[in-house]
C-alpha atoms as a PDB file:
ATOM      1  CA  MET A   1     -37.486  40.431  -8.261  1.00  0.00           C
ATOM      2  CA  LEU A   2     -37.140  38.715  -4.742  1.00  0.00           C
ATOM      3  CA  LEU A   3     -39.709  36.058  -5.385  1.00  0.00           C
ATOM      4  CA  ILE A   4     -38.073  34.879  -8.799  1.00  0.00           C
ATOM      5  CA  LEU A   5     -34.678  34.497  -6.661  1.00  0.00           C
ATOM      6  CA  LEU A   6     -36.686  32.502  -4.037  1.00  0.00           C
ATOM      7  CA  PHE A   7     -38.487  30.353  -6.303  1.00  0.00           C
ATOM      8  CA  GLY A   8     -35.543  30.037  -8.232  1.00  0.00           C
ATOM      9  CA  MET A   9     -33.216  28.927  -5.241  1.00  0.00           C
ATOM     10  CA  LEU A  10     -36.410  26.325  -4.248  1.00  0.00           C
ATOM     11  CA  HIS A  11     -36.305  25.124  -7.974  1.00  0.00           C
ATOM     12  CA  GLU A  12     -32.598  24.563  -7.798  1.00  0.00           C
ATOM     13  CA  PHE A  13     -32.621  22.864  -4.581  1.00  0.00           C
ATOM     14  CA  VAL A  14     -35.232  20.535  -5.746  1.00  0.00           C
ATOM     15  CA  ALA A  15     -33.891  19.823  -8.967  1.00  0.00           C
ATOM     16  CA  ASN A  16     -30.525  18.706  -7.563  1.00  0.00           C
ATOM     17  CA  ASN A  17     -31.746  16.531  -4.570  1.00  0.00           C
ATOM     18  CA  VAL A  18     -34.464  14.297  -6.845  1.00  0.00           C
ATOM     19  CA  PRO A  19     -33.406  11.069  -8.382  1.00  0.00           C
ATOM     20  CA  VAL A  20     -35.126  11.528 -11.642  1.00  0.00           C
ATOM     21  CA  ILE A  21     -34.737  14.638 -13.927  1.00  0.00           C
ATOM     22  CA  ILE A  22     -36.787  14.709 -17.139  1.00  0.00           C
ATOM     23  CA  LYS A  23     -34.848  16.742 -19.834  1.00  0.00           C
ATOM     24  CA  ASN A  24     -37.759  18.517 -21.338  1.00  0.00           C
ATOM     25  CA  GLU A  25     -36.904  20.251 -24.419  1.00  0.00           C
ATOM     26  CA  GLY A  26     -40.383  21.393 -25.197  1.00  0.00           C
ATOM     27  CA  ILE A  27     -42.811  23.430 -23.256  1.00  0.00           C
ATOM     28  CA  SER A  28     -45.011  22.488 -20.273  1.00  0.00           C
ATOM     29  CA  PHE A  29     -46.927  19.115 -19.852  1.00  0.00           C
ATOM     30  CA  GLY A  30     -44.791  17.748 -22.849  1.00  0.00           C
ATOM     31  CA  PHE A  31     -46.347  20.052 -25.505  1.00  0.00           C
ATOM     32  CA  SER A  32     -44.053  20.359 -28.398  1.00  0.00           C
ATOM     33  CA  ARG A  33     -41.328  22.883 -28.822  1.00  0.00           C
ATOM     34  CA  LEU A  34     -41.660  26.623 -29.143  1.00  0.00           C
ATOM     35  CA  SER A  35     -39.016  28.915 -30.387  1.00  0.00           C
ATOM     36  CA  ASN A  36     -36.978  30.626 -28.055  1.00  0.00           C
ATOM     37  CA  PHE A  37     -37.837  33.877 -29.562  1.00  0.00           C
ATOM     38  CA  LEU A  38     -41.864  33.228 -28.937  1.00  0.00           C
ATOM     39  CA  PHE A  39     -40.912  32.154 -25.621  1.00  0.00           C
ATOM     40  CA  VAL A  40     -39.054  35.335 -24.612  1.00  0.00           C
ATOM     41  CA  GLY A  41     -41.417  37.617 -26.379  1.00  0.00           C
ATOM     42  CA  LEU A  42     -44.491  36.268 -24.373  1.00  0.00           C
ATOM     43  CA  LEU A  43     -42.489  36.519 -20.990  1.00  0.00           C
ATOM     44  CA  VAL A  44     -41.615  40.465 -21.733  1.00  0.00           C
ATOM     45  CA  GLY A  45     -45.311  40.902 -22.827  1.00  0.00           C
ATOM     46  CA  LEU A  46     -46.495  39.199 -19.604  1.00  0.00           C
ATOM     47  CA  ALA A  47     -44.075  41.142 -17.618  1.00  0.00           C
ATOM     48  CA  GLY A  48     -45.335  44.317 -19.197  1.00  0.00           C
ATOM     49  CA  PHE A  49     -48.808  43.932 -19.006  1.00  0.00           C
ATOM     50  CA  TYR A  50     -48.315  43.242 -15.023  1.00  0.00           C
ATOM     51  CA  ILE A  51     -46.557  45.936 -14.756  1.00  0.00           C
ATOM     52  CA  LEU A  52     -49.446  47.839 -16.492  1.00  0.00           C
ATOM     53  CA  LYS A  53     -51.935  45.863 -15.027  1.00  0.00           C
ATOM     54  CA  ASN A  54     -50.525  44.874 -11.702  1.00  0.00           C
ATOM     55  CA  LYS A  55     -52.242  41.694 -11.438  1.00  0.00           C
ATOM     56  CA  ARG A  56     -50.871  38.987  -9.369  1.00  0.00           C
ATOM     57  CA  GLY A  57     -51.667  36.130 -11.571  1.00  0.00           C
ATOM     58  CA  ILE A  58     -49.279  38.022 -14.303  1.00  0.00           C
ATOM     59  CA  GLY A  59     -46.721  37.760 -11.784  1.00  0.00           C
ATOM     60  CA  LEU A  60     -46.907  34.341 -10.895  1.00  0.00           C
ATOM     61  CA  ILE A  61     -46.870  33.482 -14.803  1.00  0.00           C
ATOM     62  CA  THR A  62     -43.739  35.427 -15.148  1.00  0.00           C
ATOM     63  CA  ILE A  63     -41.884  34.132 -12.342  1.00  0.00           C
ATOM     64  CA  GLY A  64     -42.558  30.499 -13.246  1.00  0.00           C
ATOM     65  CA  GLY A  65     -41.959  31.443 -17.017  1.00  0.00           C
ATOM     66  CA  MET A  66     -38.274  33.342 -16.326  1.00  0.00           C
ATOM     67  CA  ILE A  67     -37.160  30.301 -13.816  1.00  0.00           C
ATOM     68  CA  ASN A  68     -38.083  27.849 -16.765  1.00  0.00           C
ATOM     69  CA  PHE A  69     -36.685  30.523 -19.105  1.00  0.00           C
ATOM     70  CA  VAL A  70     -33.226  29.989 -16.932  1.00  0.00           C
ATOM     71  CA  ASP A  71     -33.386  26.507 -17.089  1.00  0.00           C
ATOM     72  CA  ARG A  72     -33.752  26.312 -20.835  1.00  0.00           C
ATOM     73  CA  TYR A  73     -31.048  29.337 -21.080  1.00  0.00           C
ATOM     74  CA  ARG A  74     -28.397  27.157 -18.655  1.00  0.00           C
ATOM     75  CA  PHE A  75     -28.836  23.499 -19.962  1.00  0.00           C
ATOM     76  CA  GLY A  76     -30.978  23.898 -23.285  1.00  0.00           C
ATOM     77  CA  TYR A  77     -34.189  22.177 -21.475  1.00  0.00           C
ATOM     78  CA  VAL A  78     -36.378  22.597 -18.388  1.00  0.00           C
ATOM     79  CA  ARG A  79     -35.279  20.199 -15.693  1.00  0.00           C
ATOM     80  CA  ASP A  80     -38.600  18.175 -14.876  1.00  0.00           C
ATOM     81  CA  TYR A  81     -38.825  16.015 -11.923  1.00  0.00           C
ATOM     82  CA  TRP A  82     -42.554  15.544 -10.724  1.00  0.00           C
ATOM     83  CA  ASN A  83     -44.465  12.877 -12.379  1.00  0.00           C
ATOM     84  CA  VAL A  84     -47.869  14.327 -12.735  1.00  0.00           C
ATOM     85  CA  TRP A  85     -49.725  10.966 -14.671  1.00  0.00           C
ATOM     86  CA  GLY A  86     -48.384   8.729 -17.101  1.00  0.00           C
ATOM     87  CA  ASN A  87     -45.468  10.133 -18.948  1.00  0.00           C
ATOM     88  CA  ILE A  88     -46.012  13.988 -18.074  1.00  0.00           C
ATOM     89  CA  PHE A  89     -43.698  15.552 -16.118  1.00  0.00           C
ATOM     90  CA  ASN A  90     -43.444  18.862 -14.540  1.00  0.00           C
ATOM     91  CA  ASN A  91     -41.693  21.336 -12.025  1.00  0.00           C
ATOM     92  CA  LEU A  92     -42.430  23.780  -9.581  1.00  0.00           C
ATOM     93  CA  ASN A  93     -42.208  26.538 -12.382  1.00  0.00           C
ATOM     94  CA  ASP A  94     -45.336  24.911 -14.303  1.00  0.00           C
ATOM     95  CA  TRP A  95     -47.301  24.891 -11.126  1.00  0.00           C
ATOM     96  CA  LEU A  96     -46.426  28.224 -10.324  1.00  0.00           C
ATOM     97  CA  ILE A  97     -47.538  29.222 -14.026  1.00  0.00           C
ATOM     98  CA  VAL A  98     -50.713  26.841 -13.602  1.00  0.00           C
ATOM     99  CA  ALA A  99     -51.833  28.719 -10.711  1.00  0.00           C
ATOM    100  CA  GLY A 100     -51.088  32.117 -12.261  1.00  0.00           C
ATOM    101  CA  VAL A 101     -53.396  31.714 -14.691  1.00  0.00           C
ATOM    102  CA  LEU A 102     -56.140  30.420 -12.311  1.00  0.00           C
ATOM    103  CA  LEU A 103     -55.503  33.610 -10.143  1.00  0.00           C
ATOM    104  CA  PHE A 104     -55.786  35.645 -13.228  1.00  0.00           C
ATOM    105  CA  ILE A 105     -58.844  34.420 -14.619  1.00  0.00           C
ATOM    106  CA  VAL A 106     -60.419  34.828 -10.673  1.00  0.00           C
ATOM    107  CA  GLU A 107     -59.030  38.468 -10.992  1.00  0.00           C
ATOM    108  CA  VAL A 108     -60.485  39.378 -14.212  1.00  0.00           C
ATOM    109  CA  TRP A 109     -63.518  37.670 -13.396  1.00  0.00           C
ATOM    110  CA  LYS A 110     -64.203  39.540 -10.002  1.00  0.00           C
ATOM    111  CA  LYS A 111     -63.598  42.710 -11.799  1.00  0.00           C
ATOM    112  CA  GLU A 112     -66.647  42.349 -13.897  1.00  0.00           C
END
């Protein structure tokens, strides 16, 4: 819970202090829009999996997703502020999700 609060405050600070905000109504890296039901279901499922398996990678994915969900709930879109490449923008939370996926793969790979 503390990490969600800390990363949420960092995201809020950056989003309020950058010159360009892209209103992302889809999902990460400009993919098409998912329904809110599917998105919330995915987050709840990941949180449950994290609690059962205690994987740090799943924790990062959940933190990034929850903070993006708060943006989507508050504004109707996620605030993206980093230009990754061309017209592709994302935010700190998207990178938490990517880092979490990579960490999860390493955790699973090491276990086997």
